[in-house]
Protein backbone atom coordinates (compact mmCIF):
# COMPACT_ATOMS: atom_id res chain seq x y z
CA UNK A 1 -4.16 42.39 -66.85
CA UNK A 2 -6.53 40.26 -67.95
CA UNK A 3 -9.26 39.05 -65.54
CA UNK A 4 -8.61 35.19 -64.94
CA UNK A 5 -11.37 33.27 -66.30
CA UNK A 6 -13.46 31.20 -63.66
CA UNK A 7 -14.16 27.76 -64.24
CA UNK A 8 -17.69 26.21 -64.26
CA UNK A 9 -18.94 23.47 -61.97
CA UNK A 10 -18.04 20.87 -64.89
CA UNK A 11 -14.61 22.09 -65.53
CA UNK A 12 -14.09 21.79 -61.60
CA UNK A 13 -14.85 18.40 -61.14
CA UNK A 14 -12.89 17.18 -64.15
CA UNK A 15 -9.98 18.84 -62.57
CA UNK A 16 -10.75 16.96 -59.27
CA UNK A 17 -10.97 13.75 -61.29
CA UNK A 18 -7.67 14.32 -62.96
CA UNK A 19 -5.88 15.04 -59.66
CA UNK A 20 -7.24 12.30 -58.05
CA UNK A 21 -6.57 9.70 -61.22
CA UNK A 22 -4.26 10.85 -64.30
CA UNK A 23 -4.87 8.30 -66.91
CA UNK A 24 -2.47 9.93 -69.31
CA UNK A 25 0.28 9.94 -67.00
CA UNK A 26 -0.48 7.39 -64.32
CA UNK A 27 -0.51 9.29 -61.71
CA UNK A 28 -2.59 8.89 -58.22
CA UNK A 29 -3.04 12.14 -56.45
CA UNK A 30 -0.34 13.71 -57.91
CA UNK A 31 2.26 11.22 -57.86
CA UNK A 32 3.26 8.38 -59.57
CA UNK A 33 3.64 4.50 -58.43
CA UNK A 34 7.12 4.72 -57.93
CA UNK A 35 6.77 8.05 -55.99
CA UNK A 36 4.54 6.68 -53.73
CA UNK A 37 6.42 3.54 -53.07
CA UNK A 38 9.72 5.27 -52.09
CA UNK A 39 7.68 7.79 -49.85
CA UNK A 40 6.10 4.94 -48.00
CA UNK A 41 9.10 3.07 -47.82
CA UNK A 42 11.28 6.22 -46.55
CA UNK A 43 8.26 6.65 -43.70
CA UNK A 44 8.39 2.55 -43.08
CA UNK A 45 12.43 3.29 -42.41
CA UNK A 46 11.83 6.17 -40.10
CA UNK A 47 9.34 5.08 -37.91
CA UNK A 48 10.69 1.45 -38.02
CA UNK A 49 13.82 3.06 -36.33
CA UNK A 50 11.82 5.35 -33.99
CA UNK A 51 10.15 2.12 -32.66
CA UNK A 52 13.63 0.29 -32.63
CA UNK A 53 15.50 3.19 -30.84
CA UNK A 54 12.12 3.10 -28.11
CA UNK A 55 12.25 -0.63 -27.68
CA UNK A 56 16.11 -0.56 -26.79
CA UNK A 57 15.88 2.33 -24.60
CA UNK A 58 13.27 0.53 -22.56
CA UNK A 59 15.53 -2.84 -22.48
CA UNK A 60 18.32 -0.90 -21.19
CA UNK A 61 16.20 1.06 -18.55
CA UNK A 62 14.53 -2.30 -17.43
CA UNK A 63 18.04 -4.12 -16.77
CA UNK A 64 18.70 -1.27 -14.15
CA UNK A 65 15.75 -2.42 -12.27
CA UNK A 66 15.07 -4.89 -9.53
CA UNK A 67 12.19 -7.21 -9.59
CA UNK A 68 11.98 -6.62 -5.84
CA UNK A 69 13.16 -3.53 -4.59
CA UNK A 70 12.01 -0.15 -5.83
CA UNK A 71 14.74 1.84 -7.59
CA UNK A 72 14.15 5.03 -5.96
CA UNK A 73 12.82 5.04 -2.36
CA UNK A 74 14.19 8.71 -0.70
CA UNK A 75 10.39 9.94 -0.53
CA UNK A 76 9.51 7.19 1.95
CA UNK A 77 12.38 6.81 4.96
CA UNK A 78 10.08 5.97 7.61
CA UNK A 79 6.88 3.65 7.81
CA UNK A 80 3.71 4.87 8.81
CA UNK A 81 0.98 3.32 11.50
CA UNK A 82 -2.44 2.12 10.43
CA UNK A 83 -5.20 0.77 13.22
CA UNK A 84 -7.45 -2.25 12.72
CA UNK A 85 -10.42 -2.00 12.76
CA UNK A 86 -11.63 1.15 10.88
CA UNK A 87 -14.99 2.51 10.34
CA UNK A 88 -16.80 3.95 7.72
CA UNK A 89 -16.37 7.26 9.27
CA UNK A 90 -12.46 7.31 9.53
CA UNK A 91 -10.59 6.25 12.55
CA UNK A 92 -13.27 6.61 15.07
CA UNK A 93 -14.50 3.25 16.94
CA UNK A 94 -17.81 4.38 18.39
CA UNK A 95 -20.09 1.43 20.17
CA UNK A 96 -22.65 0.32 22.98
CA UNK A 97 -21.26 -2.53 24.99
CA UNK A 98 -24.56 -3.62 25.58
CA UNK A 99 -25.84 -3.80 21.89
CA UNK A 100 -23.96 -6.19 19.93
CA UNK A 101 -24.84 -4.88 16.65
CA UNK A 102 -23.24 -1.49 17.41
CA UNK A 103 -19.53 -3.28 17.27
CA UNK A 104 -20.30 -6.57 15.20
CA UNK A 105 -18.51 -4.66 11.96
CA UNK A 106 -15.55 -3.97 14.26
CA UNK A 107 -15.17 -7.48 15.53
CA UNK A 108 -15.98 -9.08 12.13
CA UNK A 109 -13.14 -6.81 10.73
CA UNK A 110 -10.58 -8.04 13.18
CA UNK A 111 -11.23 -11.39 12.31
CA UNK A 112 -10.99 -10.94 9.02
CA UNK A 113 -7.61 -9.03 9.49
CA UNK A 114 -6.06 -11.75 11.86
CA UNK A 115 -7.35 -14.70 9.45
CA UNK A 116 -3.49 -14.80 7.91
CA UNK A 117 -1.94 -14.82 11.30
CA UNK A 118 -3.77 -18.09 12.70
CA UNK A 119 -0.94 -20.33 13.92
CA UNK A 120 -2.07 -23.05 11.72
CA UNK A 121 -1.37 -20.70 8.78
CA UNK A 122 1.78 -19.43 10.27
CA UNK A 123 2.95 -22.94 11.00
CA UNK A 124 2.65 -24.08 7.33
CA UNK A 125 4.12 -21.00 5.53
CA UNK A 126 6.58 -19.29 7.68
CA UNK A 127 9.49 -20.42 9.73
CA UNK A 128 10.54 -20.10 13.40
CA UNK A 129 13.35 -17.33 13.94
CA UNK A 130 15.55 -16.40 16.32
CA UNK A 131 14.36 -13.34 18.15
CA UNK A 132 16.25 -10.18 18.36
CA UNK A 133 18.12 -10.73 15.01
CA UNK A 134 17.56 -9.25 11.71
CA UNK A 135 16.68 -11.91 8.88
CA UNK A 136 19.28 -11.44 6.67
CA UNK A 137 20.30 -14.79 4.56
CA UNK A 138 20.83 -16.00 0.97
CA UNK A 139 17.78 -15.00 -1.04
CA UNK A 140 16.69 -18.84 -1.53
CA UNK A 141 16.65 -18.92 2.25
CA UNK A 142 14.57 -15.37 2.71
CA UNK A 143 11.58 -17.34 4.43
CA UNK A 144 9.12 -15.09 6.15
CA UNK A 145 9.11 -15.15 9.95
CA UNK A 146 6.41 -16.56 12.07
CA UNK A 147 3.52 -14.19 13.73
CA UNK A 148 1.30 -16.36 15.45
CA UNK A 149 -2.03 -14.92 16.26
CA UNK A 150 -2.02 -16.07 19.88
CA UNK A 151 0.75 -13.82 20.44
CA UNK A 152 -1.76 -10.98 20.90
CA UNK A 153 -3.17 -12.51 24.44
CA UNK A 154 -6.25 -11.08 25.31
CA UNK A 155 -6.67 -9.42 21.71
CA UNK A 156 -6.46 -12.31 19.82
CA UNK A 157 -9.93 -13.04 19.63
CA UNK A 158 -9.55 -16.91 20.72
CA UNK A 159 -10.36 -16.85 24.02
CA UNK A 160 -12.73 -13.94 23.70
CA UNK A 161 -14.11 -13.91 19.94
CA UNK A 162 -15.54 -10.08 20.76
CA UNK A 163 -12.17 -8.92 21.36
CA UNK A 164 -13.38 -7.20 24.78
CA UNK A 165 -15.73 -5.08 22.91
CA UNK A 166 -18.80 -7.03 24.91
CA UNK A 167 -17.61 -5.77 28.13
CA UNK A 168 -16.26 -2.49 27.47
CA UNK A 169 -12.66 -3.02 26.97
CA UNK A 170 -12.17 -2.97 23.24
CA UNK A 171 -8.77 -4.09 21.52
CA UNK A 172 -7.12 -2.11 18.71
CA UNK A 173 -4.54 -3.42 16.47
CA UNK A 174 -1.75 -0.91 15.60
CA UNK A 175 0.43 -2.30 12.30
CA UNK A 176 3.23 -0.74 10.60
CA UNK A 177 3.27 -0.43 6.90
CA UNK A 178 5.75 -2.33 4.89
CA UNK A 179 9.21 -0.73 3.41
CA UNK A 180 11.44 -2.94 1.55
CA UNK A 181 14.74 -3.12 3.17
CA UNK A 182 13.84 -1.57 6.62
CA UNK A 183 16.35 -2.27 9.10
CA UNK A 184 14.98 -0.57 12.67
CA UNK A 185 17.66 0.18 15.04
CA UNK A 186 17.59 -0.44 18.46
CA UNK A 187 14.37 -1.73 19.90
CA UNK A 188 11.47 -0.70 18.52
CA UNK A 189 8.22 -0.63 19.94
CA UNK A 190 4.55 0.77 19.75
CA UNK A 191 3.22 3.09 22.81
CA UNK A 192 0.36 5.01 22.92
CA UNK A 193 -0.93 8.03 25.06
CA UNK A 194 -4.01 9.09 25.56
CA UNK A 195 -5.63 12.83 26.24
CA UNK A 196 -7.89 12.03 29.47
CA UNK A 197 -6.32 12.27 33.15
CA UNK A 198 -7.40 8.85 34.63
CA UNK A 199 -9.79 6.03 34.00
CA UNK A 200 -8.16 5.06 31.45
CA UNK A 201 -5.66 1.83 31.27
CA UNK A 202 -3.85 0.34 28.36
CA UNK A 203 -2.42 -3.45 28.22
CA UNK A 204 -0.10 -4.41 25.17
CA UNK A 205 0.26 -7.72 23.35
CA UNK A 206 3.23 -8.57 22.79
CA UNK A 207 4.52 -7.16 26.08
CA UNK A 208 5.55 -3.59 26.23
CA UNK A 209 4.31 -2.88 22.68
CA UNK A 210 7.53 -4.47 21.22
CA UNK A 211 8.13 -4.94 17.50
CA UNK A 212 11.05 -8.22 17.28
CA UNK A 213 14.03 -7.19 14.64
CA UNK A 214 13.36 -10.54 13.08
CA UNK A 215 10.66 -9.44 10.72
CA UNK A 216 13.31 -7.18 9.30
CA UNK A 217 14.62 -6.50 6.39
CA UNK A 218 11.22 -7.15 4.68
CA UNK A 219 12.54 -8.36 0.63
CA UNK A 220 9.26 -7.68 -1.36
CA UNK A 221 6.24 -9.63 -2.39
CA UNK A 222 8.14 -11.55 -5.19
CA UNK A 223 10.54 -12.85 -2.16
CA UNK A 224 8.40 -13.42 0.69
CA UNK A 225 4.77 -13.94 -0.54
CA UNK A 226 3.77 -14.97 2.93
CA UNK A 227 5.38 -12.39 4.77
CA UNK A 228 3.06 -10.40 7.78
CA UNK A 229 4.02 -7.50 9.28
CA UNK A 230 4.70 -7.95 13.00
CA UNK A 231 1.43 -6.42 15.11
CA UNK A 232 0.99 -4.77 18.41
CA UNK A 233 -2.59 -5.14 20.33
CA UNK A 234 -3.64 -2.47 22.70
CA UNK A 235 -6.44 -3.30 25.01
CA UNK A 236 -8.38 -0.25 26.28
CA UNK A 237 -9.47 -0.63 29.60
CA UNK A 238 -12.04 2.16 30.90
CA UNK A 239 -13.99 2.68 34.14
CA UNK A 240 -17.69 3.60 34.25
CA UNK A 241 -17.15 7.72 34.17
CA UNK A 242 -14.56 7.46 31.78
CA UNK A 243 -16.71 6.23 29.21
CA UNK A 244 -19.11 10.04 28.99
CA UNK A 245 -16.77 11.22 26.10
CA UNK A 246 -14.45 10.29 23.40
CA UNK A 247 -10.91 9.45 23.95
CA UNK A 248 -7.95 10.63 21.85
CA UNK A 249 -5.41 8.05 21.71
CA UNK A 250 -2.19 8.68 19.89
CA UNK A 251 -0.05 5.42 19.30
CA UNK A 252 3.82 5.99 17.93
CA UNK A 253 6.89 4.17 17.05
CA UNK A 254 9.48 4.47 19.98
CA UNK A 255 12.93 2.98 20.80
CA UNK A 256 14.26 3.35 17.13
CA UNK A 257 16.28 6.16 15.82
CA UNK A 258 16.00 5.86 12.35
CA UNK A 259 12.27 5.59 12.47
CA UNK A 260 10.47 9.26 12.81
CA UNK A 261 7.15 9.61 14.55
CA UNK A 262 6.90 13.39 14.66
CA UNK A 263 6.18 15.48 10.97
CA UNK A 264 3.34 18.08 10.54
CA UNK A 265 3.43 16.93 7.07
CA UNK A 266 2.15 13.37 7.59
CA UNK A 267 0.15 12.62 10.25
CA UNK A 268 0.56 8.82 10.02
CA UNK A 269 4.24 8.88 9.53
CA UNK A 270 5.25 7.01 12.38
CA UNK A 271 2.00 7.49 14.42
CA UNK A 272 -1.62 7.28 14.19
CA UNK A 273 -4.87 8.88 15.89
CA UNK A 274 -7.82 7.54 16.75
CA UNK A 275 -10.84 8.17 18.97
CA UNK A 276 -12.85 5.55 21.07
CA UNK A 277 -16.25 6.41 22.49
CA UNK A 278 -17.87 3.36 24.50
CA UNK A 279 -21.29 4.01 25.78
CA UNK A 280 -23.43 1.05 28.06
């Protein structure tokens, strides 16, 4: 077999030029203009079909969604609890009652948190509801119920702008996270316990830490854009000999059979734990 004759550099360059454009046949990159037109038309139709199929699939899926209610809610069956104020270190509240700078951030956070609950704001945006009954009406009338700041009594920050921090009896506000469509059964309330034998007393606002049914169900931000969660304020009153160490509190939802408050996998499901250290 004869050895294939190798091409010199000039022949190689000439071959590439002819491949890119052949003036005799009019081919560009090995194809005529008609061939390129057919290829481009094929891919235009093919990818156009894929884009149309994707758009149609997305349109069909969107028809099954509700703007107000998530389609899948099975992963969150009960609400969690959270407190205000919170510190940079988490849920530990540490301050000296004789040094205002140590609790200034807590007071500021509480005033900011309660701003939407001002009586004038609630009166202008939300409606007065009948206590003890779910808020179930026609969608056009799903107005949010009023929760006035004055309902928090000694923890409203109105009579005492420091929320009790200046005299060593601080207030902590507990809120329940929003879940669309949730309807608590029974008479839900927030109850807190503490790991200390004596020297600590708790006051609740509203009385008994009650969460009224009239704030449920929640219909979502789009329908109830002025909705505010019902709150429970806990005022912590301690004696002088109960302020030498951290006091650990745990607040839980009680009185409702469909609201869970014990799950080792989620420490905020129906409960919240925090510590308070009050120094002179």
